[in-house]
Amino acid sequence: MADQINSLEELGAVAGDVVVDAPVSEPTIVREPVRDELGRSYATGKRKDAVARVWIKPGSGKVTVNGKEMNVYFARPVLQMILAQPFSVAGVSGQFDVVATVKGGGLSGQAGAVKHGVSKALQLYDPSLRPALKAAGFLTRDSRVVERKKYGKAKARKSFQFSKR
């Protein structure tokens, strides 16, 4: 019983050619910027039934949605605030021009879709912005959609008024 092995170093010495190093760490993913020949990054954002195609490029902070200025297309201040969130979280307010085309849904869903598209395009343009956007939850598509209407029901879950007699 005198030749028991009590540590990894002793095991390494007995094994001979096996070298015990520090634990192997996970390989880090190196993300490359994705830009087209015009220096833009493109992403698709979705929310409810709305789909937004978003292009960003360095500029003065001008946001155009379906050919109109942001404050004309999204007149409510809440919707304008939603569009500004990815830039403020990433710390790049006023540094990128945005051109977006949106289809489907209502204004609120369209604002969420543009926000999702801007967030994805920002992380493609500059991968170092990804951790901040990911932590804020802007890169995750909000999968909640309107529930379908069921037969025998007034709406998706609402029943018709009950009559005892």
Protein backbone atom coordinates (compact mmCIF):
# COMPACT_ATOMS: atom_id res chain seq x y z
CA MET A 1 0.00 0.00 0.00
CA ALA A 2 3.02 2.30 0.00
CA ASP A 3 2.71 2.99 -3.74
CA GLN A 4 -0.68 4.76 -3.63
CA ILE A 5 -1.18 7.84 -5.83
CA ASN A 6 -2.54 10.81 -3.89
CA SER A 7 -2.50 13.65 -6.47
CA LEU A 8 -2.60 14.35 -10.19
CA GLU A 9 1.08 15.30 -10.18
CA GLU A 10 2.03 11.88 -8.81
CA LEU A 11 -0.18 10.26 -11.43
CA GLY A 12 1.55 12.34 -14.13
CA ALA A 13 4.95 11.27 -12.85
CA VAL A 14 3.91 7.62 -12.94
CA ALA A 15 2.32 7.92 -16.39
CA GLY A 16 5.46 9.48 -17.80
CA ASP A 17 4.72 11.40 -20.99
CA VAL A 18 1.34 12.85 -19.93
CA VAL A 19 1.60 16.53 -18.93
CA VAL A 20 -1.02 17.96 -16.57
CA ASP A 21 -1.82 21.60 -17.41
CA ALA A 22 -4.43 24.06 -16.31
CA PRO A 23 -8.01 23.12 -17.16
CA VAL A 24 -8.91 23.61 -20.82
CA SER A 25 -11.12 26.69 -21.22
CA GLU A 26 -13.94 27.05 -23.71
CA PRO A 27 -12.83 28.52 -27.04
CA THR A 28 -13.99 32.13 -27.33
CA ILE A 29 -16.08 32.98 -30.38
CA VAL A 30 -14.54 35.78 -32.40
CA ARG A 31 -17.28 37.58 -34.33
CA GLU A 32 -16.42 39.50 -37.48
CA PRO A 33 -18.34 42.64 -38.53
CA VAL A 34 -20.85 41.97 -41.30
CA ARG A 35 -21.14 44.91 -43.73
CA ASP A 36 -22.04 45.28 -47.40
CA GLU A 37 -20.05 47.15 -50.06
CA LEU A 38 -21.69 50.44 -48.99
CA GLY A 39 -20.61 50.03 -45.35
CA ARG A 40 -24.10 49.15 -44.13
CA SER A 41 -25.32 46.33 -41.91
CA TYR A 42 -28.69 44.71 -42.58
CA ALA A 43 -31.01 42.81 -40.26
CA THR A 44 -34.63 41.72 -40.11
CA GLY A 45 -36.64 42.48 -36.99
CA LYS A 46 -39.98 40.93 -36.07
CA ARG A 47 -42.69 41.62 -33.49
CA LYS A 48 -46.24 40.23 -33.53
CA ASP A 49 -47.26 40.40 -37.22
CA ALA A 50 -44.86 43.21 -38.14
CA VAL A 51 -41.65 42.58 -40.10
CA ALA A 52 -38.99 45.29 -40.40
CA ARG A 53 -36.05 45.32 -42.80
CA VAL A 54 -33.37 47.56 -41.29
CA TRP A 55 -30.14 48.99 -42.72
CA ILE A 56 -27.74 50.97 -40.51
CA LYS A 57 -24.66 52.94 -41.49
CA PRO A 58 -22.49 55.52 -39.72
CA GLY A 59 -24.07 58.95 -39.83
CA SER A 60 -25.75 61.69 -37.86
CA GLY A 61 -28.56 59.71 -36.21
CA LYS A 62 -31.24 60.19 -38.88
CA VAL A 63 -33.96 57.52 -38.75
CA THR A 64 -36.20 56.93 -41.79
CA VAL A 65 -39.12 54.49 -41.67
CA ASN A 66 -40.97 53.70 -44.92
CA GLY A 67 -39.59 56.88 -46.49
CA LYS A 68 -40.76 59.16 -43.66
CA GLU A 69 -38.91 60.67 -40.71
CA MET A 70 -39.22 58.71 -37.47
CA ASN A 71 -41.16 61.44 -35.64
CA VAL A 72 -43.66 61.62 -38.54
CA TYR A 73 -44.20 57.86 -38.93
CA PHE A 74 -44.14 57.09 -35.19
CA ALA A 75 -45.90 60.21 -33.85
CA ARG A 76 -46.32 58.93 -30.27
CA PRO A 77 -43.30 59.70 -28.03
CA VAL A 78 -43.47 56.20 -26.53
CA LEU A 79 -42.84 54.63 -29.93
CA GLN A 80 -39.95 57.01 -30.60
CA MET A 81 -38.48 56.06 -27.21
CA ILE A 82 -38.74 52.36 -28.13
CA LEU A 83 -36.72 53.01 -31.30
CA ALA A 84 -34.04 54.92 -29.37
CA GLN A 85 -33.49 52.18 -26.75
CA PRO A 86 -30.89 50.05 -28.63
CA PHE A 87 -28.72 53.11 -29.31
CA SER A 88 -28.80 54.32 -25.70
CA VAL A 89 -28.06 50.84 -24.29
CA ALA A 90 -25.15 50.38 -26.71
CA GLY A 91 -23.93 53.93 -26.06
CA VAL A 92 -23.93 54.97 -29.73
CA SER A 93 -26.74 57.55 -29.79
CA GLY A 94 -26.60 59.80 -32.83
CA GLN A 95 -23.80 57.84 -34.54
CA PHE A 96 -25.84 55.74 -37.00
CA ASP A 97 -28.36 56.49 -39.74
CA VAL A 98 -31.23 54.01 -39.98
CA VAL A 99 -33.32 53.17 -43.04
CA ALA A 100 -36.18 50.78 -42.31
CA THR A 101 -39.12 49.38 -44.24
CA VAL A 102 -41.92 47.89 -42.15
CA LYS A 103 -44.92 45.80 -43.15
CA GLY A 104 -47.77 44.24 -41.20
CA GLY A 105 -49.16 44.70 -37.73
CA GLY A 106 -49.94 47.97 -36.00
CA LEU A 107 -47.73 50.88 -35.03
CA SER A 108 -46.71 49.38 -31.68
CA GLY A 109 -45.70 46.06 -33.25
CA GLN A 110 -43.88 47.91 -36.03
CA ALA A 111 -41.90 49.96 -33.50
CA GLY A 112 -40.92 46.73 -31.72
CA ALA A 113 -39.92 45.16 -35.02
CA VAL A 114 -37.70 48.12 -35.95
CA LYS A 115 -36.13 48.03 -32.47
CA HIS A 116 -35.36 44.32 -32.90
CA GLY A 117 -33.92 44.91 -36.38
CA VAL A 118 -31.78 47.85 -35.22
CA SER A 119 -30.40 45.79 -32.34
CA LYS A 120 -29.48 42.90 -34.64
CA ALA A 121 -27.93 45.24 -37.21
CA LEU A 122 -25.90 47.05 -34.52
CA GLN A 123 -24.39 43.81 -33.25
CA LEU A 124 -23.57 42.80 -36.82
CA TYR A 125 -21.93 46.16 -37.54
CA ASP A 126 -19.90 46.18 -34.30
CA PRO A 127 -19.75 42.80 -32.48
CA SER A 128 -18.40 44.48 -29.33
CA LEU A 129 -21.91 45.93 -28.76
CA ARG A 130 -23.44 42.44 -28.53
CA PRO A 131 -23.05 41.87 -24.73
CA ALA A 132 -24.89 45.09 -23.84
CA LEU A 133 -27.71 44.44 -26.33
CA LYS A 134 -27.98 40.80 -25.28
CA ALA A 135 -28.13 41.70 -21.58
CA ALA A 136 -30.93 44.17 -22.27
CA GLY A 137 -32.86 41.44 -24.14
CA PHE A 138 -33.01 43.32 -27.44
CA LEU A 139 -31.62 40.47 -29.57
CA THR A 140 -34.39 38.05 -28.55
CA ARG A 141 -37.46 37.98 -30.76
CA ASP A 142 -40.61 38.47 -28.68
CA SER A 143 -42.54 35.42 -29.87
CA ARG A 144 -45.92 36.41 -28.41
CA VAL A 145 -48.56 36.62 -31.14
CA VAL A 146 -52.34 36.93 -31.11
CA GLU A 147 -54.05 33.67 -30.18
CA ARG A 148 -56.37 32.23 -32.82
CA LYS A 149 -60.13 32.18 -32.41
CA LYS A 150 -61.59 28.79 -31.43
CA TYR A 151 -64.91 27.42 -32.70
CA GLY A 152 -67.78 27.63 -30.21
CA LYS A 153 -66.20 30.72 -28.60
CA ALA A 154 -66.83 34.43 -29.09
CA LYS A 155 -63.10 35.16 -29.26
CA ALA A 156 -60.01 33.09 -28.53
CA ARG A 157 -61.13 32.27 -24.98
CA LYS A 158 -64.24 34.34 -24.30
CA SER A 159 -67.43 32.32 -24.18
CA PHE A 160 -70.89 33.44 -25.22
CA GLN A 161 -73.13 34.74 -22.44
CA PHE A 162 -74.54 31.90 -20.35
CA SER A 163 -78.31 31.68 -20.05
CA LYS A 164 -79.79 29.37 -17.43
CA ARG A 165 -83.29 29.48 -18.97
